[in-house]
C-alpha atoms as a PDB file:
ATOM      1  CA  MET A   1      -7.772  -1.256   5.216  1.00  0.00           C
ATOM      2  CA  ALA A   2     -10.690   0.716   7.324  1.00  0.00           C
ATOM      3  CA  ILE A   3      -8.126   1.701  10.777  1.00  0.00           C
ATOM      4  CA  SER A   4      -5.319   0.587   8.974  1.00  0.00           C
ATOM      5  CA  GLY A   5      -5.264   3.162   7.080  1.00  0.00           C
ATOM      6  CA  ARG A   6      -3.231   3.986   3.236  1.00  0.00           C
ATOM      7  CA  VAL A   7      -3.275   6.795   2.715  1.00  0.00           C
ATOM      8  CA  ALA A   8      -2.069  10.161   1.022  1.00  0.00           C
ATOM      9  CA  VAL A   9      -1.149  13.803   0.133  1.00  0.00           C
ATOM     10  CA  CYS A  10       0.861  14.794  -2.924  1.00  0.00           C
ATOM     11  CA  ALA A  11       2.662  17.952  -2.612  1.00  0.00           C
ATOM     12  CA  THR A  12       1.560  20.498  -4.550  1.00  0.00           C
ATOM     13  CA  ILE A  13       3.664  24.453  -5.356  1.00  0.00           C
ATOM     14  CA  LEU A  14       1.001  27.200  -5.816  1.00  0.00           C
ATOM     15  CA  PHE A  15       2.891  30.459  -8.133  1.00  0.00           C
ATOM     16  CA  ALA A  16       1.870  33.751  -6.146  1.00  0.00           C
ATOM     17  CA  SER A  17       3.353  35.114  -9.393  1.00  0.00           C
ATOM     18  CA  SER A  18       1.905  35.106 -12.786  1.00  0.00           C
ATOM     19  CA  PHE A  19       5.577  35.525 -13.831  1.00  0.00           C
ATOM     20  CA  LEU A  20       7.984  32.613 -14.500  1.00  0.00           C
ATOM     21  CA  SER A  21      11.959  33.781 -14.773  1.00  0.00           C
ATOM     22  CA  ALA A  22      13.551  31.438 -17.292  1.00  0.00           C
ATOM     23  CA  SER A  23      15.651  29.460 -14.843  1.00  0.00           C
ATOM     24  CA  ASP A  24      12.592  28.556 -13.118  1.00  0.00           C
ATOM     25  CA  ALA A  25      10.595  27.308 -16.471  1.00  0.00           C
ATOM     26  CA  ARG A  26      13.988  25.508 -17.397  1.00  0.00           C
ATOM     27  CA  ALA A  27      13.842  23.853 -13.525  1.00  0.00           C
ATOM     28  CA  GLN A  28      10.292  23.744 -14.013  1.00  0.00           C
ATOM     29  CA  ALA A  29      10.747  21.353 -17.222  1.00  0.00           C
ATOM     30  CA  ALA A  30      13.096  19.194 -16.169  1.00  0.00           C
ATOM     31  CA  GLN A  31      10.793  17.484 -13.736  1.00  0.00           C
ATOM     32  CA  PRO A  32      10.571  14.293 -14.424  1.00  0.00           C
ATOM     33  CA  ALA A  33       6.935  13.073 -15.408  1.00  0.00           C
ATOM     34  CA  ALA A  34       5.190  10.074 -13.866  1.00  0.00           C
ATOM     35  CA  SER A  35       5.625   6.874 -15.410  1.00  0.00           C
ATOM     36  CA  ARG A  36       2.178   4.944 -16.234  1.00  0.00           C
ATOM     37  CA  LEU A  37       2.268   1.834 -15.364  1.00  0.00           C
ATOM     38  CA  GLU A  38      -0.025  -1.039 -16.183  1.00  0.00           C
ATOM     39  CA  VAL A  39      -0.182  -5.432 -15.554  1.00  0.00           C
ATOM     40  CA  GLY A  40       2.016  -6.732 -17.169  1.00  0.00           C
ATOM     41  CA  ASP A  41       4.465  -3.854 -18.385  1.00  0.00           C
ATOM     42  CA  ALA A  42       8.246  -4.770 -17.924  1.00  0.00           C
ATOM     43  CA  ALA A  43       9.510  -1.723 -15.520  1.00  0.00           C
ATOM     44  CA  VAL A  44       7.808  -4.344 -12.412  1.00  0.00           C
ATOM     45  CA  ASP A  45       8.475  -6.977 -11.815  1.00  0.00           C
ATOM     46  CA  GLY A  46       8.385  -8.961  -8.410  1.00  0.00           C
ATOM     47  CA  SER A  47      10.362 -12.086  -9.439  1.00  0.00           C
ATOM     48  CA  GLN A  48      13.482 -10.913  -7.194  1.00  0.00           C
ATOM     49  CA  LEU A  49      10.936 -11.384  -4.426  1.00  0.00           C
ATOM     50  CA  LYS A  50      12.121 -13.814  -1.142  1.00  0.00           C
ATOM     51  CA  PRO A  51       9.405 -15.729   1.026  1.00  0.00           C
ATOM     52  CA  TYR A  52      10.040 -13.154   4.499  1.00  0.00           C
ATOM     53  CA  LYS A  53       8.501 -12.953   8.363  1.00  0.00           C
ATOM     54  CA  ASN A  54       7.902  -9.286   9.297  1.00  0.00           C
ATOM     55  CA  ALA A  55       7.010  -7.158  11.969  1.00  0.00           C
ATOM     56  CA  TRP A  56       6.006  -4.129  13.071  1.00  0.00           C
ATOM     57  CA  LYS A  57       5.203  -2.201  15.846  1.00  0.00           C
ATOM     58  CA  MET A  58       2.235   0.470  15.847  1.00  0.00           C
ATOM     59  CA  VAL A  59       2.149   3.491  17.342  1.00  0.00           C
ATOM     60  CA  TYR A  60      -0.295   6.753  17.637  1.00  0.00           C
ATOM     61  CA  THR A  61       1.010   9.806  17.636  1.00  0.00           C
ATOM     62  CA  PHE A  62      -2.806  12.600  18.524  1.00  0.00           C
ATOM     63  CA  PRO A  63      -1.215  16.565  18.450  1.00  0.00           C
ATOM     64  CA  GLY A  64      -0.102  17.424  21.869  1.00  0.00           C
ATOM     65  CA  LYS A  65      -0.162  13.971  23.477  1.00  0.00           C
ATOM     66  CA  GLN A  66       2.647  11.204  23.859  1.00  0.00           C
ATOM     67  CA  PRO A  67       2.827   8.359  21.698  1.00  0.00           C
ATOM     68  CA  PHE A  68       1.227   5.389  22.685  1.00  0.00           C
ATOM     69  CA  LEU A  69       1.595   1.826  21.182  1.00  0.00           C
ATOM     70  CA  VAL A  70      -1.752   0.336  19.442  1.00  0.00           C
ATOM     71  CA  GLY A  71      -0.595  -3.140  18.999  1.00  0.00           C
ATOM     72  CA  VAL A  72       1.555  -4.924  16.284  1.00  0.00           C
ATOM     73  CA  TRP A  73       1.028  -5.808  12.102  1.00  0.00           C
ATOM     74  CA  THR A  74       3.309  -9.396  11.281  1.00  0.00           C
ATOM     75  CA  ASP A  75       3.885 -10.088   7.441  1.00  0.00           C
ATOM     76  CA  GLU A  76       4.442 -12.777   5.761  1.00  0.00           C
ATOM     77  CA  LEU A  77       5.721 -13.605   2.070  1.00  0.00           C
ATOM     78  CA  GLU A  78       5.435 -17.380   1.045  1.00  0.00           C
ATOM     79  CA  GLU A  79       5.739 -19.244  -2.340  1.00  0.00           C
ATOM     80  CA  VAL A  80       2.262 -21.339  -3.234  1.00  0.00           C
ATOM     81  CA  GLU A  81       1.546 -23.010  -5.922  1.00  0.00           C
ATOM     82  CA  ILE A  82      -1.960 -23.466  -8.004  1.00  0.00           C
ATOM     83  CA  GLY A  83      -3.417 -24.628 -10.250  1.00  0.00           C
ATOM     84  CA  GLY A  84      -0.097 -25.320 -11.939  1.00  0.00           C
ATOM     85  CA  ARG A  85       1.712 -21.432 -11.126  1.00  0.00           C
ATOM     86  CA  HIS A  86       4.246 -20.233  -9.352  1.00  0.00           C
ATOM     87  CA  LEU A  87       3.044 -17.513  -7.583  1.00  0.00           C
ATOM     88  CA  MET A  88       3.403 -16.021  -3.683  1.00  0.00           C
ATOM     89  CA  LYS A  89       1.367 -15.413  -0.944  1.00  0.00           C
ATOM     90  CA  ARG A  90       1.351 -12.351   1.283  1.00  0.00           C
ATOM     91  CA  THR A  91      -0.280 -12.760   4.436  1.00  0.00           C
ATOM     92  CA  GLN A  92      -0.651  -9.797   6.999  1.00  0.00           C
ATOM     93  CA  MET A  93      -2.329  -9.528  10.617  1.00  0.00           C
ATOM     94  CA  ALA A  94      -3.260  -6.208  12.037  1.00  0.00           C
ATOM     95  CA  ASP A  95      -3.586  -6.772  16.215  1.00  0.00           C
ATOM     96  CA  TYR A  96      -5.032  -4.021  17.645  1.00  0.00           C
ATOM     97  CA  ALA A  97      -4.991  -4.571  21.145  1.00  0.00           C
ATOM     98  CA  LYS A  98      -5.499  -1.475  22.903  1.00  0.00           C
ATOM     99  CA  TYR A  99      -8.467  -1.480  20.700  1.00  0.00           C
ATOM    100  CA  HIS A 100      -9.113  -5.462  20.695  1.00  0.00           C
ATOM    101  CA  VAL A 101      -9.591  -5.293  16.547  1.00  0.00           C
ATOM    102  CA  VAL A 102      -7.961  -7.799  14.917  1.00  0.00           C
ATOM    103  CA  VAL A 103      -7.862  -7.291  11.201  1.00  0.00           C
ATOM    104  CA  SER A 104      -5.878  -9.504   8.133  1.00  0.00           C
ATOM    105  CA  TYR A 105      -4.764  -9.357   4.244  1.00  0.00           C
ATOM    106  CA  THR A 106      -3.999 -12.356   2.455  1.00  0.00           C
ATOM    107  CA  ASN A 107      -3.283 -11.811  -1.479  1.00  0.00           C
ATOM    108  CA  VAL A 108      -1.791 -14.335  -3.581  1.00  0.00           C
ATOM    109  CA  PHE A 109      -0.213 -12.689  -6.669  1.00  0.00           C
ATOM    110  CA  ASP A 110       2.047 -13.637  -9.419  1.00  0.00           C
ATOM    111  CA  PRO A 111       5.710 -12.282  -8.851  1.00  0.00           C
ATOM    112  CA  LYS A 112       6.550 -11.946 -12.079  1.00  0.00           C
ATOM    113  CA  THR A 113       3.894  -9.209 -13.240  1.00  0.00           C
ATOM    114  CA  MET A 114       2.510  -9.031  -9.434  1.00  0.00           C
ATOM    115  CA  ALA A 115      -0.768  -8.828 -11.085  1.00  0.00           C
ATOM    116  CA  PRO A 116      -3.272  -9.903  -8.534  1.00  0.00           C
ATOM    117  CA  VAL A 117      -5.021 -13.681  -8.234  1.00  0.00           C
ATOM    118  CA  GLU A 118      -7.560 -13.799  -5.548  1.00  0.00           C
ATOM    119  CA  GLN A 119      -7.931 -11.488  -2.432  1.00  0.00           C
ATOM    120  CA  GLU A 120      -9.273 -11.952   1.618  1.00  0.00           C
ATOM    121  CA  PHE A 121      -9.765 -10.508   3.828  1.00  0.00           C
ATOM    122  CA  HIS A 122     -11.233 -10.078   7.669  1.00  0.00           C
ATOM    123  CA  ARG A 123     -12.452  -7.614  10.489  1.00  0.00           C
ATOM    124  CA  SER A 124     -12.822  -9.107  14.119  1.00  0.00           C
ATOM    125  CA  SER A 125     -14.304  -6.185  15.553  1.00  0.00           C
ATOM    126  CA  THR A 126     -16.997  -6.224  12.951  1.00  0.00           C
ATOM    127  CA  GLY A 127     -17.790  -9.819  11.251  1.00  0.00           C
ATOM    128  CA  GLU A 128     -16.610  -7.658   7.750  1.00  0.00           C
ATOM    129  CA  TRP A 129     -15.123  -9.459   5.721  1.00  0.00           C
ATOM    130  CA  ALA A 130     -14.914 -10.473   1.165  1.00  0.00           C
ATOM    131  CA  LYS A 131     -13.030 -12.177  -0.906  1.00  0.00           C
ATOM    132  CA  ARG A 132     -11.762 -11.163  -4.653  1.00  0.00           C
ATOM    133  CA  GLU A 133     -11.107 -13.104  -7.844  1.00  0.00           C
ATOM    134  CA  PHE A 134      -8.994 -11.303 -10.554  1.00  0.00           C
ATOM    135  CA  ASP A 135      -9.186 -12.298 -14.249  1.00  0.00           C
ATOM    136  CA  GLY A 136      -7.662  -9.630 -15.557  1.00  0.00           C
ATOM    137  CA  LYS A 137     -10.228  -6.499 -16.206  1.00  0.00           C
ATOM    138  CA  THR A 138     -12.529  -8.548 -14.325  1.00  0.00           C
ATOM    139  CA  VAL A 139     -13.256  -8.803 -10.324  1.00  0.00           C
ATOM    140  CA  LYS A 140     -15.368 -11.592  -8.852  1.00  0.00           C
ATOM    141  CA  TYR A 141     -16.565 -10.965  -4.969  1.00  0.00           C
ATOM    142  CA  GLU A 142     -18.545 -11.712  -1.965  1.00  0.00           C
ATOM    143  CA  ARG A 143     -18.620  -9.736   0.674  1.00  0.00           C
ATOM    144  CA  GLY A 144     -20.163  -9.114   4.505  1.00  0.00           C
ATOM    145  CA  GLU A 145     -20.487  -6.240   5.891  1.00  0.00           C
ATOM    146  CA  SER A 146     -21.258  -8.484   9.303  1.00  0.00           C
ATOM    147  CA  ALA A 147     -20.664 -12.771  10.016  1.00  0.00           C
ATOM    148  CA  ASP A 148     -24.816 -13.440   8.834  1.00  0.00           C
ATOM    149  CA  PRO A 149     -24.312 -15.687   5.828  1.00  0.00           C
ATOM    150  CA  ALA A 150     -28.166 -13.893   5.536  1.00  0.00           C
ATOM    151  CA  LYS A 151     -26.712 -10.361   4.822  1.00  0.00           C
ATOM    152  CA  LYS A 152     -23.912 -11.876   1.881  1.00  0.00           C
ATOM    153  CA  GLN A 153     -23.409  -9.851  -1.264  1.00  0.00           C
ATOM    154  CA  ARG A 154     -21.743 -11.241  -4.607  1.00  0.00           C
ATOM    155  CA  GLY A 155     -20.596  -9.077  -7.655  1.00  0.00           C
ATOM    156  CA  GLU A 156     -18.250  -8.603 -10.533  1.00  0.00           C
ATOM    157  CA  LEU A 157     -16.642  -5.234 -11.833  1.00  0.00           C
ATOM    158  CA  LYS A 158     -16.138  -4.158 -15.592  1.00  0.00           C
ATOM    159  CA  LEU A 159     -13.080  -1.785 -15.202  1.00  0.00           C
ATOM    160  CA  ASP A 160     -11.773  -0.019 -18.141  1.00  0.00           C
ATOM    161  CA  HIS A 161      -7.855  -1.786 -17.045  1.00  0.00           C
ATOM    162  CA  ALA A 162      -6.248  -4.384 -14.859  1.00  0.00           C
ATOM    163  CA  ILE A 163      -5.726  -3.601 -11.774  1.00  0.00           C
ATOM    164  CA  PHE A 164      -2.827  -3.664  -8.874  1.00  0.00           C
ATOM    165  CA  ASP A 165      -3.988  -4.799  -5.893  1.00  0.00           C
ATOM    166  CA  TYR A 166      -2.652  -2.244  -3.668  1.00  0.00           C
ATOM    167  CA  GLU A 167      -5.365  -0.721  -1.930  1.00  0.00           C
ATOM    168  CA  GLY A 168      -6.336  -5.244  -1.445  1.00  0.00           C
ATOM    169  CA  GLY A 169      -3.504  -5.328   0.978  1.00  0.00           C
ATOM    170  CA  MET A 170      -0.013  -5.245  -1.713  1.00  0.00           C
ATOM    171  CA  TYR A 171       1.316  -1.815  -0.663  1.00  0.00           C
ATOM    172  CA  GLY A 172       4.518  -1.590  -0.021  1.00  0.00           C
ATOM    173  CA  VAL A 173       5.457  -4.909  -0.928  1.00  0.00           C
ATOM    174  CA  LEU A 174       3.970  -3.934  -4.850  1.00  0.00           C
ATOM    175  CA  LEU A 175       6.693  -0.688  -4.286  1.00  0.00           C
ATOM    176  CA  ALA A 176       9.408  -2.656  -3.612  1.00  0.00           C
ATOM    177  CA  ALA A 177       8.533  -4.025  -7.075  1.00  0.00           C
ATOM    178  CA  LEU A 178       9.090  -1.365  -9.447  1.00  0.00           C
ATOM    179  CA  PRO A 179      12.287   0.719 -10.357  1.00  0.00           C
ATOM    180  CA  LEU A 180      12.635   3.346  -7.454  1.00  0.00           C
ATOM    181  CA  ARG A 181      14.953   5.325  -7.520  1.00  0.00           C
ATOM    182  CA  GLU A 182      15.775   9.146  -6.863  1.00  0.00           C
ATOM    183  CA  GLY A 183      13.296  10.937  -8.062  1.00  0.00           C
ATOM    184  CA  TYR A 184      11.428   8.241  -9.815  1.00  0.00           C
ATOM    185  CA  LYS A 185       7.398   8.871 -10.076  1.00  0.00           C
ATOM    186  CA  ALA A 186       4.515   6.396 -11.878  1.00  0.00           C
ATOM    187  CA  THR A 187       1.078   6.213 -11.703  1.00  0.00           C
ATOM    188  CA  PHE A 188      -0.602   3.146 -11.607  1.00  0.00           C
ATOM    189  CA  PRO A 189      -4.508   1.632 -11.430  1.00  0.00           C
ATOM    190  CA  SER A 190      -6.079  -0.364  -8.072  1.00  0.00           C
ATOM    191  CA  LEU A 191      -9.444  -0.790  -7.192  1.00  0.00           C
ATOM    192  CA  SER A 192     -10.450   1.900  -3.627  1.00  0.00           C
ATOM    193  CA  GLU A 193     -10.679   0.059  -0.760  1.00  0.00           C
ATOM    194  CA  ASP A 194     -13.860   2.276  -0.667  1.00  0.00           C
ATOM    195  CA  ARG A 195     -15.437   1.783  -3.594  1.00  0.00           C
ATOM    196  CA  ASP A 196     -16.466  -0.509  -6.418  1.00  0.00           C
ATOM    197  CA  GLU A 197     -14.470   1.950  -8.738  1.00  0.00           C
ATOM    198  CA  LEU A 198     -10.769   1.805 -10.440  1.00  0.00           C
ATOM    199  CA  GLU A 199      -8.488   4.637  -8.873  1.00  0.00           C
ATOM    200  CA  TRP A 200      -5.379   5.470  -9.607  1.00  0.00           C
ATOM    201  CA  VAL A 201      -2.506   5.668  -7.143  1.00  0.00           C
ATOM    202  CA  THR A 202       0.978   8.046  -7.714  1.00  0.00           C
ATOM    203  CA  LEU A 203       4.015   7.364  -5.738  1.00  0.00           C
ATOM    204  CA  THR A 204       7.474   9.333  -5.743  1.00  0.00           C
ATOM    205  CA  VAL A 205      11.119   8.379  -4.440  1.00  0.00           C
ATOM    206  CA  GLY A 206      13.049  10.168  -2.738  1.00  0.00           C
ATOM    207  CA  LYS A 207      16.479   9.692  -1.581  1.00  0.00           C
ATOM    208  CA  GLN A 208      17.716   6.913  -0.030  1.00  0.00           C
ATOM    209  CA  GLU A 209      18.928   6.858   3.830  1.00  0.00           C
ATOM    210  CA  LEU A 210      19.100   5.137   6.282  1.00  0.00           C
ATOM    211  CA  VAL A 211      17.095   3.317   8.251  1.00  0.00           C
ATOM    212  CA  ASP A 212      16.214   1.495  11.595  1.00  0.00           C
ATOM    213  CA  ALA A 213      15.807  -1.566  10.489  1.00  0.00           C
ATOM    214  CA  GLY A 214      14.482  -3.412  13.989  1.00  0.00           C
ATOM    215  CA  ASN A 215      17.420  -5.134  17.011  1.00  0.00           C
ATOM    216  CA  GLY A 216      19.860  -2.097  16.608  1.00  0.00           C
ATOM    217  CA  LYS A 217      20.330  -2.092  13.328  1.00  0.00           C
ATOM    218  CA  GLN A 218      20.039   0.572  10.157  1.00  0.00           C
ATOM    219  CA  VAL A 219      19.094  -0.183   6.634  1.00  0.00           C
ATOM    220  CA  MET A 220      19.476   1.331   3.038  1.00  0.00           C
ATOM    221  CA  ALA A 221      15.880   2.272   1.808  1.00  0.00           C
ATOM    222  CA  TRP A 222      14.754   4.322  -0.742  1.00  0.00           C
ATOM    223  CA  PRO A 223      11.004   6.920   1.104  1.00  0.00           C
ATOM    224  CA  VAL A 224       8.567   6.150  -1.596  1.00  0.00           C
ATOM    225  CA  ASP A 225       4.992   8.833  -1.423  1.00  0.00           C
ATOM    226  CA  THR A 226       2.195   7.544  -2.208  1.00  0.00           C
ATOM    227  CA  GLU A 227      -1.472   9.923  -3.356  1.00  0.00           C
ATOM    228  CA  ALA A 228      -4.387   8.951  -4.053  1.00  0.00           C
ATOM    229  CA  ASP A 229      -7.972   9.619  -3.528  1.00  0.00           C
ATOM    230  CA  TYR A 230      -8.307   8.523  -0.371  1.00  0.00           C
ATOM    231  CA  THR A 231     -11.953   9.416   1.457  1.00  0.00           C
ATOM    232  CA  ASN A 232      -9.905  10.173   5.081  1.00  0.00           C
ATOM    233  CA  LYS A 233      -7.662  12.273   3.105  1.00  0.00           C
ATOM    234  CA  SER A 234      -4.279  10.218   4.379  1.00  0.00           C
ATOM    235  CA  HIS A 235      -0.448  10.585   3.699  1.00  0.00           C
ATOM    236  CA  LEU A 236       1.258   7.478   3.443  1.00  0.00           C
ATOM    237  CA  THR A 237       5.275   7.224   3.488  1.00  0.00           C
ATOM    238  CA  TYR A 238       7.006   3.940   2.929  1.00  0.00           C
ATOM    239  CA  TRP A 239      10.450   3.050   3.607  1.00  0.00           C
ATOM    240  CA  ILE A 240      11.288   0.156   0.776  1.00  0.00           C
ATOM    241  CA  SER A 241      14.085  -1.863   1.187  1.00  0.00           C
ATOM    242  CA  LYS A 242      15.402  -4.164  -2.312  1.00  0.00           C
ATOM    243  CA  GLU A 243      16.580  -6.702   0.211  1.00  0.00           C
ATOM    244  CA  PRO A 244      13.703  -8.922   2.512  1.00  0.00           C
ATOM    245  CA  PRO A 245      11.802  -7.588   4.399  1.00  0.00           C
ATOM    246  CA  TYR A 246      10.877  -5.630   1.926  1.00  0.00           C
ATOM    247  CA  VAL A 247       8.837  -2.523   3.783  1.00  0.00           C
ATOM    248  CA  ILE A 248      11.317  -0.623   6.636  1.00  0.00           C
ATOM    249  CA  GLN A 249       8.799   1.568   7.555  1.00  0.00           C
ATOM    250  CA  LEU A 250       5.261   2.781   7.701  1.00  0.00           C
ATOM    251  CA  ALA A 251       4.294   6.748   8.568  1.00  0.00           C
ATOM    252  CA  ILE A 252       0.361   7.429   7.684  1.00  0.00           C
ATOM    253  CA  THR A 253      -0.964  10.929   8.533  1.00  0.00           C
ATOM    254  CA  ILE A 254      -4.315  10.950   8.721  1.00  0.00           C
ATOM    255  CA  PRO A 255      -5.889  14.732   8.758  1.00  0.00           C
ATOM    256  CA  THR A 256     -10.280  14.065   8.961  1.00  0.00           C
ATOM    257  CA  GLY A 257     -11.400  13.902  12.182  1.00  0.00           C
ATOM    258  CA  LYS A 258      -8.718  13.577  15.552  1.00  0.00           C
ATOM    259  CA  TRP A 259      -5.175  14.203  13.847  1.00  0.00           C
ATOM    260  CA  VAL A 260      -3.301  11.131  13.809  1.00  0.00           C
ATOM    261  CA  THR A 261      -0.014   9.904  12.901  1.00  0.00           C
ATOM    262  CA  ILE A 262       0.712   6.149  12.882  1.00  0.00           C
ATOM    263  CA  THR A 263       4.294   5.025  12.909  1.00  0.00           C
ATOM    264  CA  MET A 264       5.473   1.612  11.635  1.00  0.00           C
ATOM    265  CA  THR A 265       9.387   0.468  12.905  1.00  0.00           C
ATOM    266  CA  MET A 266       9.933  -2.794  12.997  1.00  0.00           C
ATOM    267  CA  ILE A 267      10.617  -5.526  16.049  1.00  0.00           C
END
């Protein structure tokens, strides 16, 4: 998701004093530990997911400047049958009209376990593309940095863990399959979008709140902060509902290069 950005930053608390009061120590001990999730864990269950169509407007904000509309991101979730298996397919298209760039993602997955089956990525400005097939801890891929077939690459990755395809396009829909509640923390394996490496993503859920959902509507949603070792050091917050279309809002802050905040709200 090179242009669309994915992101993350975790809040780290540093203590200036080397001494903690007993009450401070008890408060720290009460902090919930992050649940470690793996593909196949009962806590990850998307069997309740329903088909939908959704769209967000994308707004960029640079420090000291007025926000401006960049384009529209569309999103569709549908049921599919492949090889006798009941699966779901998520199709997204990010049209950065202001920059004349279109990025698309297609993800096919098992809704019960949220295990990925296959993924495709395309970017119009460079011709960059990628296809992946997932089988447990093995990922087969084809990709190219341009439309030139002579430059196509093929390969296979052997990972230490089966992964969720969060960074490959599942994003907030994967989060909607988790047992979200205030204070919930979890970490799960994903495949880095920048490197052929397994990467652990950590999430923290805040207090459920009322957010805009387009057309004058408002819904209750969980704010979910995510953290991973992103190259651009970005920070990402989703607002997730347990009802379709699940991903209600999204805010990305990218501090590297020209600091920018990207806000996605439903149309």
